[in-house]
Amino acid sequence: MLGALGCAAVLYDVAAVRLGARPAPWRHALLDRVYGLSLTAVVAAVAAVALVLLGLWLVWLAVTPGARRLTPMEPPSADVRAYLDRSAVALLLRDTALEIPGVGAVRVKVRRRKVFVGATVRFGDPDEFREALSSAVTAKRDRLGLAKPPRLTVFVRPDEEWTPPPADAPSGLPRAPRQKQSPPQKQGVDAPVAPAAGEK
């Protein structure tokens, strides 16, 4: 944008000079400064490196596909194009992961071809939790109607307050840990005993 504005200003001044106007003072000062530079000057080297980086960035933008923040959906017809924002995809998958029992923090990153899901488990078997999380997120991804569903990569790690499952817990979805029952309170030994009927 700045380069385009600079080129437009130079072209405007050149056209004005061709029509009989006097050249702008800033153009004379700029030309005098440029003529005084050499190829070994620091300013020339910095400008050359900046132009090279700008050219590489423009080439990268030209060869990479557009709509980088959008995920194409399966169109209902040939004349319709539908896209889903990647942040919306990440939010939907995150909400699905939070519905699984035992889940802690969930982090979802959606790329063009991959989806990274990281979660912490608070209780239960981490392997069973990972299978349940992968199945739920995969089912939700397939229901979004994406043209090319991205591949899923699921990472699970125990939380700081993770509770291991009991030995007799059945397999399947992680269950909440059993709460510890407080022991029954015993009556005090020194408590007075009421006399029975007929006793003094």
N, C-alpha and C. Protein backbone atom coordinates (compact mmCIF):
# COMPACT_ATOMS: atom_id res chain seq x y z
N MET A 1 0.83 -1.20 0.00
CA MET A 1 0.00 0.00 0.00
C MET A 1 0.87 1.26 0.00
N LEU A 2 1.89 1.29 0.84
CA LEU A 2 2.78 2.45 0.87
C LEU A 2 3.54 2.60 -0.44
N GLY A 3 3.98 1.47 -1.01
CA GLY A 3 4.67 1.53 -2.30
C GLY A 3 3.78 2.06 -3.40
N ALA A 4 2.50 1.64 -3.39
CA ALA A 4 1.57 2.13 -4.41
C ALA A 4 1.32 3.63 -4.25
N LEU A 5 1.20 4.09 -3.01
CA LEU A 5 1.02 5.52 -2.79
C LEU A 5 2.24 6.33 -3.23
N GLY A 6 3.44 5.80 -2.96
CA GLY A 6 4.65 6.49 -3.40
C GLY A 6 4.76 6.57 -4.92
N CYS A 7 4.45 5.46 -5.60
CA CYS A 7 4.49 5.46 -7.07
C CYS A 7 3.44 6.41 -7.64
N ALA A 8 2.27 6.48 -7.02
CA ALA A 8 1.24 7.39 -7.50
C ALA A 8 1.67 8.84 -7.34
N ALA A 9 2.35 9.15 -6.22
CA ALA A 9 2.82 10.53 -6.01
C ALA A 9 3.88 10.91 -7.04
N VAL A 10 4.79 9.98 -7.35
CA VAL A 10 5.83 10.28 -8.35
C VAL A 10 5.22 10.47 -9.73
N LEU A 11 4.28 9.59 -10.10
CA LEU A 11 3.63 9.73 -11.40
C LEU A 11 2.84 11.03 -11.51
N TYR A 12 2.19 11.40 -10.42
CA TYR A 12 1.45 12.67 -10.44
C TYR A 12 2.38 13.86 -10.64
N ASP A 13 3.53 13.85 -9.98
CA ASP A 13 4.47 14.96 -10.12
C ASP A 13 5.06 14.99 -11.52
N VAL A 14 5.38 13.81 -12.07
CA VAL A 14 5.93 13.78 -13.43
C VAL A 14 4.91 14.29 -14.44
N ALA A 15 3.65 13.86 -14.29
CA ALA A 15 2.61 14.35 -15.19
C ALA A 15 2.39 15.84 -15.05
N ALA A 16 2.48 16.35 -13.82
CA ALA A 16 2.32 17.79 -13.62
C ALA A 16 3.45 18.58 -14.27
N VAL A 17 4.68 18.05 -14.22
CA VAL A 17 5.81 18.72 -14.87
C VAL A 17 5.64 18.71 -16.38
N ARG A 18 5.14 17.60 -16.95
CA ARG A 18 4.90 17.53 -18.39
C ARG A 18 3.84 18.52 -18.84
N LEU A 19 2.93 18.85 -17.96
CA LEU A 19 1.87 19.81 -18.30
C LEU A 19 2.27 21.25 -18.05
N GLY A 20 3.49 21.49 -17.60
CA GLY A 20 3.99 22.85 -17.44
C GLY A 20 4.18 23.29 -16.02
N ALA A 21 3.88 22.46 -15.04
CA ALA A 21 4.05 22.86 -13.65
C ALA A 21 5.50 22.66 -13.22
N ARG A 22 5.86 23.26 -12.11
CA ARG A 22 7.20 23.12 -11.59
C ARG A 22 7.30 21.82 -10.78
N PRO A 23 8.45 21.15 -10.85
CA PRO A 23 8.58 19.90 -10.08
C PRO A 23 8.53 20.16 -8.57
N ALA A 24 8.05 19.16 -7.85
CA ALA A 24 7.93 19.28 -6.40
C ALA A 24 9.31 19.27 -5.75
N PRO A 25 9.50 20.05 -4.68
CA PRO A 25 10.82 20.08 -4.03
C PRO A 25 11.22 18.72 -3.44
N TRP A 26 10.27 17.95 -2.98
CA TRP A 26 10.61 16.67 -2.36
C TRP A 26 11.18 15.70 -3.37
N ARG A 27 10.76 15.83 -4.67
CA ARG A 27 11.30 14.91 -5.68
C ARG A 27 12.75 15.24 -5.99
N HIS A 28 13.09 16.53 -6.03
CA HIS A 28 14.49 16.91 -6.24
C HIS A 28 15.36 16.43 -5.08
N ALA A 29 14.88 16.60 -3.85
CA ALA A 29 15.66 16.15 -2.69
C ALA A 29 15.83 14.64 -2.69
N LEU A 30 14.78 13.92 -3.09
CA LEU A 30 14.88 12.46 -3.12
C LEU A 30 15.86 11.99 -4.19
N LEU A 31 15.83 12.63 -5.36
CA LEU A 31 16.74 12.24 -6.44
C LEU A 31 18.19 12.56 -6.07
N ASP A 32 18.40 13.71 -5.44
CA ASP A 32 19.76 14.04 -5.01
C ASP A 32 20.27 13.03 -3.99
N ARG A 33 19.38 12.58 -3.10
CA ARG A 33 19.80 11.60 -2.09
C ARG A 33 20.10 10.24 -2.72
N VAL A 34 19.31 9.86 -3.70
CA VAL A 34 19.53 8.57 -4.36
C VAL A 34 20.80 8.60 -5.19
N TYR A 35 21.06 9.70 -5.90
CA TYR A 35 22.26 9.78 -6.72
C TYR A 35 23.53 9.75 -5.88
N GLY A 36 23.43 10.18 -4.64
CA GLY A 36 24.61 10.19 -3.78
C GLY A 36 24.90 8.86 -3.11
N LEU A 37 24.00 7.88 -3.24
CA LEU A 37 24.23 6.58 -2.61
C LEU A 37 25.08 5.69 -3.50
N SER A 38 25.78 4.77 -2.86
CA SER A 38 26.56 3.76 -3.57
C SER A 38 26.02 2.38 -3.22
N LEU A 39 26.43 1.37 -3.98
CA LEU A 39 25.94 0.02 -3.75
C LEU A 39 26.42 -0.56 -2.42
N THR A 40 27.48 -0.01 -1.87
CA THR A 40 28.01 -0.51 -0.60
C THR A 40 27.45 0.24 0.61
N ALA A 41 26.55 1.17 0.38
CA ALA A 41 25.98 1.93 1.50
C ALA A 41 25.05 1.03 2.32
N VAL A 42 24.96 1.35 3.59
CA VAL A 42 24.11 0.55 4.49
C VAL A 42 22.63 0.71 4.12
N VAL A 43 22.23 1.92 3.76
CA VAL A 43 20.83 2.17 3.41
C VAL A 43 20.45 1.36 2.18
N ALA A 44 21.33 1.30 1.18
CA ALA A 44 21.04 0.54 -0.02
C ALA A 44 20.93 -0.95 0.27
N ALA A 45 21.78 -1.47 1.16
CA ALA A 45 21.73 -2.89 1.51
C ALA A 45 20.44 -3.22 2.25
N VAL A 46 20.07 -2.36 3.19
CA VAL A 46 18.83 -2.59 3.94
C VAL A 46 17.62 -2.53 3.01
N ALA A 47 17.60 -1.57 2.11
CA ALA A 47 16.48 -1.46 1.17
C ALA A 47 16.41 -2.68 0.25
N ALA A 48 17.56 -3.19 -0.18
CA ALA A 48 17.57 -4.36 -1.04
C ALA A 48 17.04 -5.60 -0.31
N VAL A 49 17.46 -5.77 0.94
CA VAL A 49 16.97 -6.92 1.72
C VAL A 49 15.46 -6.81 1.94
N ALA A 50 14.98 -5.60 2.23
CA ALA A 50 13.54 -5.41 2.44
C ALA A 50 12.75 -5.70 1.17
N LEU A 51 13.26 -5.29 0.02
CA LEU A 51 12.57 -5.56 -1.23
C LEU A 51 12.57 -7.06 -1.56
N VAL A 52 13.66 -7.74 -1.25
CA VAL A 52 13.71 -9.18 -1.49
C VAL A 52 12.70 -9.91 -0.61
N LEU A 53 12.63 -9.54 0.66
CA LEU A 53 11.66 -10.17 1.56
C LEU A 53 10.23 -9.88 1.13
N LEU A 54 9.99 -8.64 0.67
CA LEU A 54 8.66 -8.29 0.19
C LEU A 54 8.29 -9.11 -1.05
N GLY A 55 9.25 -9.31 -1.94
CA GLY A 55 8.98 -10.12 -3.12
C GLY A 55 8.71 -11.57 -2.79
N LEU A 56 9.47 -12.14 -1.85
CA LEU A 56 9.22 -13.52 -1.44
C LEU A 56 7.85 -13.67 -0.78
N TRP A 57 7.46 -12.68 0.01
CA TRP A 57 6.15 -12.73 0.65
C TRP A 57 5.02 -12.67 -0.38
N LEU A 58 5.19 -11.84 -1.40
CA LEU A 58 4.18 -11.76 -2.46
C LEU A 58 4.11 -13.06 -3.26
N VAL A 59 5.25 -13.69 -3.51
CA VAL A 59 5.25 -14.98 -4.21
C VAL A 59 4.55 -16.04 -3.37
N TRP A 60 4.81 -16.04 -2.04
CA TRP A 60 4.15 -17.02 -1.17
C TRP A 60 2.65 -16.81 -1.15
N LEU A 61 2.20 -15.56 -1.14
CA LEU A 61 0.77 -15.30 -1.19
C LEU A 61 0.15 -15.74 -2.53
N ALA A 62 0.94 -15.69 -3.59
CA ALA A 62 0.41 -16.06 -4.90
C ALA A 62 0.27 -17.57 -5.07
N VAL A 63 1.18 -18.34 -4.49
CA VAL A 63 1.15 -19.79 -4.70
C VAL A 63 0.31 -20.51 -3.67
N THR A 64 0.04 -19.92 -2.50
CA THR A 64 -0.77 -20.58 -1.49
C THR A 64 -2.25 -20.32 -1.75
N PRO A 65 -3.13 -21.25 -1.36
CA PRO A 65 -4.56 -21.05 -1.60
C PRO A 65 -5.12 -19.92 -0.76
N GLY A 66 -6.18 -19.32 -1.25
CA GLY A 66 -6.83 -18.22 -0.54
C GLY A 66 -7.74 -18.71 0.56
N ALA A 67 -8.44 -17.76 1.19
CA ALA A 67 -9.39 -18.07 2.28
C ALA A 67 -8.72 -18.89 3.36
N ARG A 68 -7.63 -18.34 3.92
CA ARG A 68 -6.84 -19.10 4.89
C ARG A 68 -7.57 -19.29 6.21
N ARG A 69 -8.47 -18.40 6.56
CA ARG A 69 -9.20 -18.51 7.82
C ARG A 69 -10.57 -19.17 7.64
N LEU A 70 -10.85 -19.65 6.45
CA LEU A 70 -12.14 -20.27 6.18
C LEU A 70 -11.95 -21.71 5.75
N THR A 71 -12.89 -22.55 6.12
CA THR A 71 -12.88 -23.96 5.75
C THR A 71 -14.03 -24.21 4.78
N PRO A 72 -13.76 -24.68 3.57
CA PRO A 72 -14.86 -24.88 2.61
C PRO A 72 -15.78 -26.01 3.05
N MET A 73 -17.07 -25.80 2.81
CA MET A 73 -18.07 -26.80 3.14
C MET A 73 -18.56 -27.48 1.86
N GLU A 74 -19.24 -28.59 2.03
CA GLU A 74 -19.80 -29.32 0.90
C GLU A 74 -20.94 -28.50 0.31
N PRO A 75 -20.82 -28.02 -0.94
CA PRO A 75 -21.87 -27.15 -1.49
C PRO A 75 -23.11 -27.94 -1.83
N PRO A 76 -24.28 -27.37 -1.58
CA PRO A 76 -25.51 -28.07 -1.97
C PRO A 76 -25.72 -28.13 -3.47
N SER A 77 -25.13 -27.20 -4.22
CA SER A 77 -25.23 -27.20 -5.68
C SER A 77 -23.94 -26.61 -6.24
N ALA A 78 -23.82 -26.68 -7.56
CA ALA A 78 -22.59 -26.20 -8.19
C ALA A 78 -22.48 -24.68 -8.15
N ASP A 79 -23.57 -23.97 -8.01
CA ASP A 79 -23.55 -22.52 -8.02
C ASP A 79 -23.42 -21.90 -6.64
N VAL A 80 -23.33 -22.72 -5.62
CA VAL A 80 -23.27 -22.21 -4.25
C VAL A 80 -21.93 -22.58 -3.64
N ARG A 81 -21.32 -21.61 -2.96
CA ARG A 81 -20.07 -21.83 -2.23
C ARG A 81 -20.30 -21.45 -0.77
N ALA A 82 -19.96 -22.36 0.09
CA ALA A 82 -20.17 -22.14 1.53
C ALA A 82 -18.86 -22.36 2.26
N TYR A 83 -18.62 -21.52 3.25
CA TYR A 83 -17.40 -21.62 4.05
C TYR A 83 -17.79 -21.52 5.52
N LEU A 84 -16.97 -22.13 6.34
CA LEU A 84 -17.13 -22.08 7.80
C LEU A 84 -15.85 -21.57 8.41
N ASP A 85 -15.98 -20.56 9.24
CA ASP A 85 -14.80 -19.98 9.86
C ASP A 85 -14.09 -21.00 10.74
N ARG A 86 -12.77 -20.98 10.71
CA ARG A 86 -12.01 -21.96 11.49
C ARG A 86 -12.20 -21.77 12.98
N SER A 87 -12.38 -20.54 13.41
CA SER A 87 -12.63 -20.33 14.83
C SER A 87 -13.96 -20.94 15.25
N ALA A 88 -14.96 -20.92 14.35
CA ALA A 88 -16.24 -21.55 14.67
C ALA A 88 -16.09 -23.07 14.74
N VAL A 89 -15.29 -23.64 13.84
CA VAL A 89 -15.04 -25.08 13.89
C VAL A 89 -14.36 -25.46 15.20
N ALA A 90 -13.37 -24.68 15.60
CA ALA A 90 -12.67 -24.96 16.85
C ALA A 90 -13.61 -24.84 18.04
N LEU A 91 -14.51 -23.86 18.03
CA LEU A 91 -15.45 -23.69 19.15
C LEU A 91 -16.43 -24.85 19.23
N LEU A 92 -16.93 -25.33 18.08
CA LEU A 92 -17.86 -26.45 18.09
C LEU A 92 -17.19 -27.73 18.59
N LEU A 93 -15.98 -27.98 18.13
CA LEU A 93 -15.27 -29.17 18.59
C LEU A 93 -14.91 -29.07 20.07
N ARG A 94 -14.61 -27.89 20.53
CA ARG A 94 -14.28 -27.71 21.94
C ARG A 94 -15.51 -27.96 22.82
N ASP A 95 -16.67 -27.46 22.39
CA ASP A 95 -17.89 -27.71 23.16
C ASP A 95 -18.22 -29.19 23.21
N THR A 96 -17.96 -29.90 22.12
CA THR A 96 -18.20 -31.34 22.11
C THR A 96 -17.26 -32.06 23.07
N ALA A 97 -16.01 -31.64 23.12
CA ALA A 97 -15.05 -32.27 24.02
C ALA A 97 -15.40 -32.01 25.48
N LEU A 98 -15.94 -30.83 25.78
CA LEU A 98 -16.27 -30.50 27.16
C LEU A 98 -17.45 -31.31 27.69
N GLU A 99 -18.22 -31.94 26.82
CA GLU A 99 -19.36 -32.75 27.27
C GLU A 99 -18.95 -34.13 27.77
N ILE A 100 -17.72 -34.53 27.57
CA ILE A 100 -17.27 -35.85 27.99
C ILE A 100 -16.97 -35.82 29.49
N PRO A 101 -17.44 -36.81 30.25
CA PRO A 101 -17.16 -36.83 31.69
C PRO A 101 -15.67 -36.97 31.96
N GLY A 102 -15.19 -36.19 32.91
CA GLY A 102 -13.80 -36.25 33.30
C GLY A 102 -12.88 -35.28 32.58
N VAL A 103 -13.41 -34.50 31.65
CA VAL A 103 -12.56 -33.59 30.89
C VAL A 103 -12.23 -32.37 31.73
N GLY A 104 -11.01 -31.87 31.57
CA GLY A 104 -10.59 -30.65 32.25
C GLY A 104 -10.50 -29.50 31.25
N ALA A 105 -9.31 -29.03 31.02
CA ALA A 105 -9.10 -27.97 30.05
C ALA A 105 -9.00 -28.57 28.65
N VAL A 106 -9.54 -27.86 27.66
CA VAL A 106 -9.54 -28.31 26.27
C VAL A 106 -9.00 -27.19 25.40
N ARG A 107 -8.12 -27.56 24.49
CA ARG A 107 -7.55 -26.60 23.54
C ARG A 107 -7.61 -27.19 22.15
N VAL A 108 -8.18 -26.44 21.22
CA VAL A 108 -8.40 -26.92 19.85
C VAL A 108 -7.76 -25.94 18.88
N LYS A 109 -6.97 -26.44 17.95
CA LYS A 109 -6.37 -25.66 16.88
C LYS A 109 -6.78 -26.27 15.54
N VAL A 110 -7.35 -25.46 14.68
CA VAL A 110 -7.84 -25.92 13.39
C VAL A 110 -6.93 -25.37 12.31
N ARG A 111 -6.34 -26.24 11.53
CA ARG A 111 -5.53 -25.86 10.38
C ARG A 111 -6.26 -26.26 9.11
N ARG A 112 -5.60 -26.04 7.98
CA ARG A 112 -6.27 -26.34 6.71
C ARG A 112 -6.47 -27.83 6.52
N ARG A 113 -5.56 -28.65 6.99
CA ARG A 113 -5.66 -30.10 6.80
C ARG A 113 -5.66 -30.88 8.10
N LYS A 114 -5.40 -30.25 9.23
CA LYS A 114 -5.32 -30.98 10.49
C LYS A 114 -6.04 -30.21 11.59
N VAL A 115 -6.49 -30.95 12.57
CA VAL A 115 -7.10 -30.40 13.77
C VAL A 115 -6.39 -31.01 14.97
N PHE A 116 -5.87 -30.15 15.83
CA PHE A 116 -5.16 -30.59 17.02
C PHE A 116 -6.07 -30.35 18.23
N VAL A 117 -6.34 -31.41 18.97
CA VAL A 117 -7.18 -31.34 20.15
C VAL A 117 -6.36 -31.80 21.34
N GLY A 118 -6.18 -30.93 22.31
CA GLY A 118 -5.46 -31.26 23.54
C GLY A 118 -6.38 -31.10 24.73
N ALA A 119 -6.40 -32.09 25.59
CA ALA A 119 -7.31 -32.07 26.75
C ALA A 119 -6.61 -32.67 27.95
N THR A 120 -7.09 -32.30 29.12
CA THR A 120 -6.61 -32.87 30.37
C THR A 120 -7.74 -33.69 30.98
N VAL A 121 -7.39 -34.81 31.58
CA VAL A 121 -8.36 -35.70 32.21
C VAL A 121 -8.23 -35.56 33.72
N ARG A 122 -9.36 -35.44 34.40
CA ARG A 122 -9.36 -35.26 35.85
C ARG A 122 -9.48 -36.59 36.60
N PHE A 123 -10.18 -37.56 36.03
CA PHE A 123 -10.31 -38.86 36.66
C PHE A 123 -10.58 -39.89 35.57
N GLY A 124 -10.31 -41.13 35.89
CA GLY A 124 -10.53 -42.20 34.94
C GLY A 124 -9.25 -42.61 34.23
N ASP A 125 -9.41 -43.60 33.34
CA ASP A 125 -8.28 -44.11 32.57
C ASP A 125 -7.99 -43.17 31.41
N PRO A 126 -6.78 -42.64 31.28
CA PRO A 126 -6.48 -41.72 30.17
C PRO A 126 -6.64 -42.36 28.80
N ASP A 127 -6.33 -43.66 28.66
CA ASP A 127 -6.49 -44.31 27.36
C ASP A 127 -7.95 -44.39 26.94
N GLU A 128 -8.82 -44.78 27.88
CA GLU A 128 -10.24 -44.83 27.58
C GLU A 128 -10.81 -43.43 27.34
N PHE A 129 -10.30 -42.47 28.09
CA PHE A 129 -10.73 -41.09 27.88
C PHE A 129 -10.32 -40.59 26.50
N ARG A 130 -9.14 -40.96 26.05
CA ARG A 130 -8.69 -40.52 24.73
C ARG A 130 -9.55 -41.14 23.63
N GLU A 131 -9.92 -42.41 23.78
CA GLU A 131 -10.78 -43.04 22.78
C GLU A 131 -12.15 -42.38 22.74
N ALA A 132 -12.72 -42.09 23.92
CA ALA A 132 -14.02 -41.43 23.96
C ALA A 132 -13.94 -40.02 23.37
N LEU A 133 -12.87 -39.30 23.66
CA LEU A 133 -12.70 -37.95 23.12
C LEU A 133 -12.54 -37.99 21.61
N SER A 134 -11.73 -38.90 21.11
CA SER A 134 -11.52 -39.01 19.67
C SER A 134 -12.80 -39.37 18.94
N SER A 135 -13.59 -40.29 19.51
CA SER A 135 -14.84 -40.69 18.87
C SER A 135 -15.84 -39.54 18.83
N ALA A 136 -15.96 -38.80 19.94
CA ALA A 136 -16.91 -37.70 19.99
C ALA A 136 -16.52 -36.57 19.04
N VAL A 137 -15.25 -36.21 19.02
CA VAL A 137 -14.81 -35.13 18.15
C VAL A 137 -14.89 -35.54 16.68
N THR A 138 -14.58 -36.78 16.38
CA THR A 138 -14.69 -37.25 15.00
C THR A 138 -16.13 -37.23 14.50
N ALA A 139 -17.06 -37.67 15.35
CA ALA A 139 -18.47 -37.64 14.96
C ALA A 139 -18.96 -36.21 14.74
N LYS A 140 -18.52 -35.28 15.59
CA LYS A 140 -18.91 -33.89 15.42
C LYS A 140 -18.31 -33.31 14.15
N ARG A 141 -17.07 -33.63 13.85
CA ARG A 141 -16.43 -33.14 12.63
C ARG A 141 -17.15 -33.63 11.39
N ASP A 142 -17.58 -34.89 11.40
CA ASP A 142 -18.27 -35.44 10.23
C ASP A 142 -19.65 -34.82 10.04
N ARG A 143 -20.27 -34.31 11.10
CA ARG A 143 -21.58 -33.69 10.98
C ARG A 143 -21.53 -32.23 10.56
N LEU A 144 -20.34 -31.64 10.46
CA LEU A 144 -20.22 -30.24 10.08
C LEU A 144 -20.41 -30.02 8.59
N GLY A 145 -20.30 -31.08 7.79
CA GLY A 145 -20.50 -30.94 6.36
C GLY A 145 -19.35 -30.28 5.63
N LEU A 146 -18.13 -30.53 6.08
CA LEU A 146 -16.95 -29.94 5.43
C LEU A 146 -16.63 -30.69 4.14
N ALA A 147 -16.12 -29.95 3.16
CA ALA A 147 -15.79 -30.57 1.88
C ALA A 147 -14.63 -31.56 2.04
N LYS A 148 -13.61 -31.17 2.77
CA LYS A 148 -12.47 -32.04 3.03
C LYS A 148 -12.24 -32.04 4.54
N PRO A 149 -12.84 -33.00 5.25
CA PRO A 149 -12.67 -33.02 6.71
C PRO A 149 -11.19 -33.15 7.09
N PRO A 150 -10.70 -32.28 7.94
CA PRO A 150 -9.28 -32.37 8.35
C PRO A 150 -9.04 -33.56 9.27
N ARG A 151 -7.80 -34.01 9.26
CA ARG A 151 -7.42 -35.13 10.13
C ARG A 151 -7.30 -34.65 11.57
N LEU A 152 -7.65 -35.57 12.47
CA LEU A 152 -7.64 -35.25 13.89
C LEU A 152 -6.39 -35.80 14.57
N THR A 153 -5.84 -35.00 15.45
CA THR A 153 -4.74 -35.42 16.30
C THR A 153 -5.11 -35.06 17.73
N VAL A 154 -5.27 -36.09 18.58
CA VAL A 154 -5.76 -35.90 19.93
C VAL A 154 -4.63 -36.16 20.92
N PHE A 155 -4.44 -35.23 21.84
CA PHE A 155 -3.45 -35.36 22.90
C PHE A 155 -4.18 -35.31 24.24
N VAL A 156 -3.87 -36.25 25.11
CA VAL A 156 -4.50 -36.33 26.43
C VAL A 156 -3.42 -36.48 27.48
N ARG A 157 -3.54 -35.72 28.54
CA ARG A 157 -2.60 -35.84 29.66
C ARG A 157 -3.38 -35.70 30.96
N PRO A 158 -2.95 -36.37 32.03
CA PRO A 158 -3.65 -36.26 33.31
C PRO A 158 -3.54 -34.86 33.90
N ASP A 159 -4.59 -34.47 34.57
CA ASP A 159 -4.62 -33.18 35.24
C ASP A 159 -3.80 -33.24 36.53
N GLU A 160 -3.54 -32.07 37.11
CA GLU A 160 -2.81 -32.05 38.37
C GLU A 160 -3.59 -32.74 39.49
N GLU A 161 -4.91 -32.70 39.42
CA GLU A 161 -5.76 -33.33 40.43
C GLU A 161 -6.34 -34.64 39.91
N TRP A 162 -5.61 -35.31 39.03
CA TRP A 162 -6.12 -36.55 38.43
C TRP A 162 -6.24 -37.65 39.48
N THR A 163 -7.36 -38.35 39.43
CA THR A 163 -7.63 -39.44 40.35
C THR A 163 -7.65 -40.75 39.57
N PRO A 164 -6.83 -41.73 39.91
CA PRO A 164 -6.84 -42.99 39.15
C PRO A 164 -8.15 -43.73 39.37
N PRO A 165 -8.58 -44.52 38.37
CA PRO A 165 -9.84 -45.24 38.51
C PRO A 165 -9.70 -46.38 39.51
N PRO A 166 -10.79 -46.76 40.19
CA PRO A 166 -10.73 -47.90 41.12
C PRO A 166 -10.48 -49.20 40.38
N ALA A 167 -10.01 -50.19 41.11
CA ALA A 167 -9.65 -51.47 40.48
C ALA A 167 -10.86 -52.20 39.92
N ASP A 168 -12.03 -52.06 40.55
CA ASP A 168 -13.22 -52.78 40.10
C ASP A 168 -14.09 -51.95 39.18
N ALA A 169 -13.55 -50.84 38.62
CA ALA A 169 -14.35 -50.00 37.73
C ALA A 169 -14.51 -50.67 36.38
N PRO A 170 -15.74 -50.70 35.80
CA PRO A 170 -15.93 -51.30 34.48
C PRO A 170 -15.30 -50.44 33.40
N SER A 171 -15.00 -51.05 32.26
CA SER A 171 -14.40 -50.33 31.14
C SER A 171 -15.47 -49.51 30.45
N GLY A 172 -15.05 -48.53 29.69
CA GLY A 172 -15.97 -47.65 29.00
C GLY A 172 -15.62 -46.21 29.29
N LEU A 173 -16.63 -45.35 29.30
CA LEU A 173 -16.38 -43.95 29.59
C LEU A 173 -15.89 -43.77 31.01
N PRO A 174 -15.02 -42.82 31.26
CA PRO A 174 -14.53 -42.60 32.62
C PRO A 174 -15.65 -42.19 33.54
N ARG A 175 -15.63 -42.74 34.74
CA ARG A 175 -16.64 -42.44 35.74
C ARG A 175 -16.04 -41.59 36.84
N ALA A 176 -16.92 -40.93 37.53
CA ALA A 176 -16.45 -40.07 38.62
C ALA A 176 -15.92 -40.93 39.75
N PRO A 177 -14.89 -40.46 40.43
CA PRO A 177 -14.34 -41.25 41.54
C PRO A 177 -15.33 -41.36 42.68
N ARG A 178 -15.23 -42.46 43.41
CA ARG A 178 -16.11 -42.66 44.55
C ARG A 178 -15.72 -41.70 45.67
N GLN A 179 -16.74 -41.17 46.27
CA GLN A 179 -16.48 -40.26 47.38
C GLN A 179 -16.26 -41.08 48.66
N LYS A 180 -15.34 -40.61 49.45
CA LYS A 180 -15.01 -41.30 50.69
C LYS A 180 -16.13 -41.07 51.71
N GLN A 181 -16.62 -42.18 52.26
CA GLN A 181 -17.66 -42.08 53.27
C GLN A 181 -17.02 -41.91 54.64
N SER A 182 -17.59 -40.99 55.38
CA SER A 182 -17.06 -40.75 56.72
C SER A 182 -17.43 -41.91 57.64
N PRO A 183 -16.55 -42.36 58.52
CA PRO A 183 -16.85 -43.49 59.41
C PRO A 183 -17.97 -43.14 60.38
N PRO A 184 -18.75 -44.14 60.78
CA PRO A 184 -19.86 -43.85 61.71
C PRO A 184 -19.32 -43.37 63.05
N GLN A 185 -20.03 -42.41 63.59
CA GLN A 185 -19.60 -41.82 64.86
C GLN A 185 -19.93 -42.77 66.01
N LYS A 186 -19.00 -42.95 66.88
CA LYS A 186 -19.18 -43.82 68.05
C LYS A 186 -19.63 -42.98 69.24
N GLN A 187 -20.47 -43.62 70.03
CA GLN A 187 -20.94 -42.94 71.23
C GLN A 187 -19.81 -42.88 72.26
N GLY A 188 -19.81 -41.84 73.01
CA GLY A 188 -18.76 -41.67 74.01
C GLY A 188 -18.87 -42.70 75.12
N VAL A 189 -17.75 -43.11 75.63
CA VAL A 189 -17.74 -44.12 76.69
C VAL A 189 -18.26 -43.54 77.99
N ASP A 190 -18.01 -42.27 78.20
CA ASP A 190 -18.39 -41.65 79.45
C ASP A 190 -19.82 -41.13 79.45
N ALA A 191 -20.60 -41.46 78.42
CA ALA A 191 -21.97 -40.95 78.34
C ALA A 191 -22.80 -41.65 79.40
N PRO A 192 -23.65 -40.96 80.13
CA PRO A 192 -24.48 -41.59 81.16
C PRO A 192 -25.53 -42.48 80.53
N VAL A 193 -25.82 -43.58 81.15
CA VAL A 193 -26.81 -44.55 80.68
C VAL A 193 -28.06 -44.43 81.54
N ALA A 194 -29.19 -44.31 80.88
CA ALA A 194 -30.45 -44.14 81.60
C ALA A 194 -30.81 -45.46 82.27
N PRO A 195 -31.25 -45.45 83.53
CA PRO A 195 -31.60 -46.72 84.22
C PRO A 195 -32.85 -47.32 83.64
N ALA A 196 -32.90 -48.63 83.62
CA ALA A 196 -34.08 -49.33 83.12
C ALA A 196 -35.22 -49.22 84.10
N ALA A 197 -36.41 -49.59 83.63
CA ALA A 197 -37.60 -49.50 84.47
C ALA A 197 -37.50 -50.46 85.62
N GLY A 198 -37.79 -50.07 86.84
CA GLY A 198 -37.73 -50.91 88.02
C GLY A 198 -36.41 -50.86 88.74
N GLU A 199 -35.39 -50.17 88.12
CA GLU A 199 -34.09 -50.07 88.76
C GLU A 199 -33.96 -48.74 89.45
N LYS A 200 -33.23 -48.72 90.49
CA LYS A 200 -33.01 -47.49 91.22
C LYS A 200 -31.67 -46.89 90.85
